[in-house]
Each structure stands twice: as C-alpha cells, then as structure tokens.
N, C-alpha and C. Protein backbone atom coordinates (compact mmCIF):
# COMPACT_ATOMS: atom_id res chain seq x y z
N GLN A 1 -6.68 -39.75 51.30
CA GLN A 1 -7.39 -38.84 52.27
C GLN A 1 -6.43 -38.11 53.17
N LEU A 2 -5.51 -38.81 53.72
CA LEU A 2 -4.53 -38.22 54.61
C LEU A 2 -3.72 -37.11 53.94
N ARG A 3 -3.28 -37.46 52.66
CA ARG A 3 -2.47 -36.41 51.92
C ARG A 3 -3.25 -35.07 51.54
N THR A 4 -4.56 -35.26 51.16
CA THR A 4 -5.42 -34.18 50.85
C THR A 4 -5.67 -33.23 52.04
N GLY A 5 -5.66 -33.82 53.23
CA GLY A 5 -5.77 -33.05 54.35
C GLY A 5 -4.56 -32.16 54.75
N GLU A 6 -3.48 -32.37 54.03
CA GLU A 6 -2.25 -31.63 54.18
C GLU A 6 -2.08 -30.52 53.15
N PHE A 7 -2.96 -30.38 52.23
CA PHE A 7 -2.84 -29.35 51.23
C PHE A 7 -2.47 -27.93 51.72
N ASP A 8 -3.03 -27.69 52.94
CA ASP A 8 -2.83 -26.36 53.52
C ASP A 8 -1.37 -26.11 53.94
N ARG A 9 -0.56 -27.14 53.93
CA ARG A 9 0.78 -27.04 54.31
C ARG A 9 1.72 -26.67 53.11
N ILE A 10 1.19 -26.61 51.93
CA ILE A 10 1.94 -26.30 50.75
C ILE A 10 2.19 -24.74 50.75
N SER A 11 3.37 -24.41 50.60
CA SER A 11 3.76 -22.97 50.65
C SER A 11 3.15 -22.25 49.60
N PRO A 12 2.83 -20.94 49.74
CA PRO A 12 2.13 -20.07 48.64
C PRO A 12 2.95 -20.07 47.40
N GLU A 13 4.26 -20.03 47.48
CA GLU A 13 5.13 -19.99 46.36
C GLU A 13 4.92 -21.36 45.50
N ARG A 14 4.97 -22.41 46.19
CA ARG A 14 4.70 -23.70 45.49
C ARG A 14 3.34 -23.81 44.97
N LYS A 15 2.36 -23.36 45.67
CA LYS A 15 1.01 -23.40 45.14
C LYS A 15 0.89 -22.57 43.86
N GLU A 16 1.62 -21.51 43.74
CA GLU A 16 1.59 -20.68 42.55
C GLU A 16 2.10 -21.44 41.31
N ARG A 17 3.16 -22.15 41.58
CA ARG A 17 3.77 -22.99 40.50
C ARG A 17 2.83 -24.10 40.09
N LEU A 18 2.27 -24.74 41.15
CA LEU A 18 1.29 -25.79 40.82
C LEU A 18 0.10 -25.31 40.15
N GLU A 19 -0.35 -24.11 40.38
CA GLU A 19 -1.44 -23.53 39.59
C GLU A 19 -1.13 -23.30 38.13
N GLU A 20 0.08 -22.96 37.84
CA GLU A 20 0.61 -22.84 36.42
C GLU A 20 0.44 -24.21 35.69
N ILE A 21 0.82 -25.28 36.42
CA ILE A 21 0.67 -26.63 35.80
C ILE A 21 -0.84 -26.90 35.55
N ALA A 22 -1.66 -26.63 36.63
CA ALA A 22 -3.06 -26.96 36.57
C ALA A 22 -3.67 -26.12 35.45
N HIS A 23 -3.32 -24.89 35.16
CA HIS A 23 -3.86 -24.13 34.09
C HIS A 23 -3.44 -24.77 32.68
N TYR A 24 -2.21 -25.24 32.68
CA TYR A 24 -1.75 -25.85 31.41
C TYR A 24 -2.62 -27.08 31.15
N VAL A 25 -2.74 -27.97 32.12
CA VAL A 25 -3.57 -29.18 31.98
C VAL A 25 -4.96 -28.86 31.57
N SER A 26 -5.61 -27.94 32.36
CA SER A 26 -7.02 -27.64 32.01
C SER A 26 -7.15 -27.01 30.64
N GLY A 27 -6.24 -26.25 30.32
CA GLY A 27 -6.26 -25.57 28.95
C GLY A 27 -6.21 -26.60 27.87
N ARG A 28 -5.30 -27.63 28.03
CA ARG A 28 -5.16 -28.64 27.06
C ARG A 28 -6.47 -29.44 26.96
N LEU A 29 -7.03 -29.78 28.13
CA LEU A 29 -8.15 -30.63 28.12
C LEU A 29 -9.35 -29.84 27.53
N ASP A 30 -9.46 -28.50 27.86
CA ASP A 30 -10.54 -27.67 27.29
C ASP A 30 -10.42 -27.66 25.75
N ASP A 31 -9.26 -27.68 25.15
CA ASP A 31 -9.04 -27.71 23.76
C ASP A 31 -9.14 -29.17 23.12
N ARG A 32 -9.57 -30.14 24.00
CA ARG A 32 -9.66 -31.54 23.62
C ARG A 32 -8.33 -32.13 23.21
N ARG A 33 -7.28 -31.72 23.85
CA ARG A 33 -6.01 -32.18 23.57
C ARG A 33 -5.44 -32.94 24.79
N THR A 34 -4.50 -33.82 24.61
CA THR A 34 -3.94 -34.54 25.74
C THR A 34 -2.86 -33.58 26.43
N ALA A 35 -2.88 -33.66 27.67
CA ALA A 35 -1.87 -32.86 28.54
C ALA A 35 -0.72 -33.87 28.76
N ARG A 36 0.47 -33.49 28.28
CA ARG A 36 1.65 -34.33 28.49
C ARG A 36 2.62 -33.59 29.42
N LEU A 37 2.94 -34.24 30.48
CA LEU A 37 3.79 -33.69 31.54
C LEU A 37 5.09 -34.54 31.61
N THR A 38 6.17 -33.85 31.54
CA THR A 38 7.50 -34.46 31.61
C THR A 38 8.18 -33.90 32.86
N PHE A 39 8.56 -34.82 33.70
CA PHE A 39 9.29 -34.44 34.95
C PHE A 39 10.74 -34.79 34.80
N ILE A 40 11.58 -33.86 35.12
CA ILE A 40 13.05 -33.85 35.03
C ILE A 40 13.69 -33.81 36.37
N CYS A 41 14.70 -34.80 36.53
CA CYS A 41 15.50 -34.77 37.72
C CYS A 41 16.92 -34.66 37.21
N THR A 42 17.69 -33.75 37.74
CA THR A 42 19.07 -33.45 37.20
C THR A 42 20.18 -34.38 37.82
N HIS A 43 19.89 -35.01 38.86
CA HIS A 43 20.93 -35.79 39.59
C HIS A 43 20.78 -37.29 39.30
N ASN A 44 19.58 -37.79 39.47
CA ASN A 44 19.23 -39.16 39.07
C ASN A 44 17.80 -39.27 38.66
N SER A 45 17.38 -40.38 38.25
CA SER A 45 16.00 -40.42 37.76
C SER A 45 14.94 -40.77 38.76
N ARG A 46 15.38 -40.98 40.05
CA ARG A 46 14.42 -41.37 41.06
C ARG A 46 13.33 -40.34 41.23
N ARG A 47 13.66 -39.08 41.41
CA ARG A 47 12.67 -38.11 41.71
C ARG A 47 11.73 -37.96 40.46
N SER A 48 12.27 -37.89 39.31
CA SER A 48 11.46 -37.76 38.13
C SER A 48 10.55 -38.95 37.97
N HIS A 49 10.95 -40.14 38.27
CA HIS A 49 10.06 -41.27 38.22
C HIS A 49 9.00 -41.20 39.25
N MET A 50 9.30 -40.80 40.45
CA MET A 50 8.28 -40.57 41.47
C MET A 50 7.19 -39.49 41.11
N ALA A 51 7.69 -38.49 40.58
CA ALA A 51 6.82 -37.35 40.08
C ALA A 51 5.89 -37.85 38.94
N GLN A 52 6.46 -38.65 38.08
CA GLN A 52 5.68 -39.20 36.95
C GLN A 52 4.56 -40.08 37.46
N VAL A 53 4.96 -40.93 38.37
CA VAL A 53 3.95 -41.92 38.87
C VAL A 53 2.84 -41.08 39.71
N TRP A 54 3.28 -40.23 40.54
CA TRP A 54 2.24 -39.51 41.31
C TRP A 54 1.33 -38.59 40.50
N ALA A 55 1.74 -38.06 39.35
CA ALA A 55 1.00 -37.35 38.46
C ALA A 55 -0.05 -38.25 37.85
N ALA A 56 0.32 -39.43 37.43
CA ALA A 56 -0.60 -40.46 36.86
C ALA A 56 -1.55 -40.85 37.95
N VAL A 57 -1.17 -41.10 39.22
CA VAL A 57 -2.00 -41.51 40.27
C VAL A 57 -3.07 -40.45 40.57
N ALA A 58 -2.53 -39.17 40.55
CA ALA A 58 -3.49 -38.01 40.88
C ALA A 58 -4.58 -37.89 39.75
N ALA A 59 -4.09 -38.00 38.57
CA ALA A 59 -5.03 -37.81 37.46
C ALA A 59 -6.11 -38.93 37.49
N SER A 60 -5.67 -40.21 37.76
CA SER A 60 -6.58 -41.31 37.94
C SER A 60 -7.49 -41.17 39.11
N HIS A 61 -6.95 -40.72 40.23
CA HIS A 61 -7.77 -40.60 41.51
C HIS A 61 -8.86 -39.52 41.32
N TYR A 62 -8.55 -38.42 40.60
CA TYR A 62 -9.52 -37.29 40.40
C TYR A 62 -10.33 -37.49 39.10
N GLY A 63 -10.13 -38.58 38.39
CA GLY A 63 -10.88 -38.82 37.23
C GLY A 63 -10.49 -37.92 36.04
N VAL A 64 -9.33 -37.49 35.94
CA VAL A 64 -8.88 -36.55 34.87
C VAL A 64 -8.29 -37.41 33.72
N GLU A 65 -9.00 -37.56 32.69
CA GLU A 65 -8.49 -38.37 31.54
C GLU A 65 -7.68 -37.48 30.57
N HIS A 66 -6.96 -38.22 29.78
CA HIS A 66 -6.05 -37.59 28.65
C HIS A 66 -4.98 -36.79 29.32
N VAL A 67 -4.41 -37.33 30.45
CA VAL A 67 -3.12 -36.81 30.95
C VAL A 67 -2.13 -37.90 30.90
N GLU A 68 -0.94 -37.63 30.29
CA GLU A 68 0.15 -38.59 30.14
C GLU A 68 1.32 -37.97 30.90
N SER A 69 2.05 -38.78 31.60
CA SER A 69 3.19 -38.32 32.32
C SER A 69 4.44 -39.09 31.90
N TYR A 70 5.55 -38.47 31.94
CA TYR A 70 6.85 -38.98 31.50
C TYR A 70 7.93 -38.65 32.41
N SER A 71 8.96 -39.41 32.53
CA SER A 71 10.16 -39.16 33.32
C SER A 71 11.36 -38.87 32.44
N GLY A 72 12.08 -37.81 32.75
CA GLY A 72 13.23 -37.38 31.98
C GLY A 72 14.41 -37.21 32.75
N GLY A 73 14.60 -38.07 33.69
CA GLY A 73 15.80 -38.02 34.62
C GLY A 73 17.11 -38.19 33.82
N THR A 74 18.15 -37.58 34.31
CA THR A 74 19.48 -37.70 33.61
C THR A 74 20.26 -38.74 34.26
C-alpha cells in the first residue's frame, strides 16, 4: 500500500519505459502466451535479482498470471 501511494513520484520518462513493458506483457497475455521478462545488471547480479523478484511479486499481487521473470546479471 505504501509503495503504490508513491507512483506519482515516478518520472515521466521512467513511466514511458514502464508503459512499454506493460504493453509487451498485456500483448503477450492477450495472445494467450506467457510474458517472459529478463532483467540484466551489467556490474553484478544483485540488481537483476531484485528486479526479477519484484516483477514476480507485482504479478502475484495484481493477480497477473503467466508472467515469468528471470535474472541475467553478469
């Protein structure tokens, strides 16, 4: 609840990028396909692991099925 109350703090540029991801996910689900998200971190795997986990948590929290998330940290 606390985090969703902060959505207005996301910059317009970041929201634009997030909308691209949302369109990808919804398009895949509309086609009855699984949306697969891979998060990459170029310095270590910590950030990509966190992104992977948060994507899974968000999908679960909002009841979005058929979303798989992966970490591809280097």
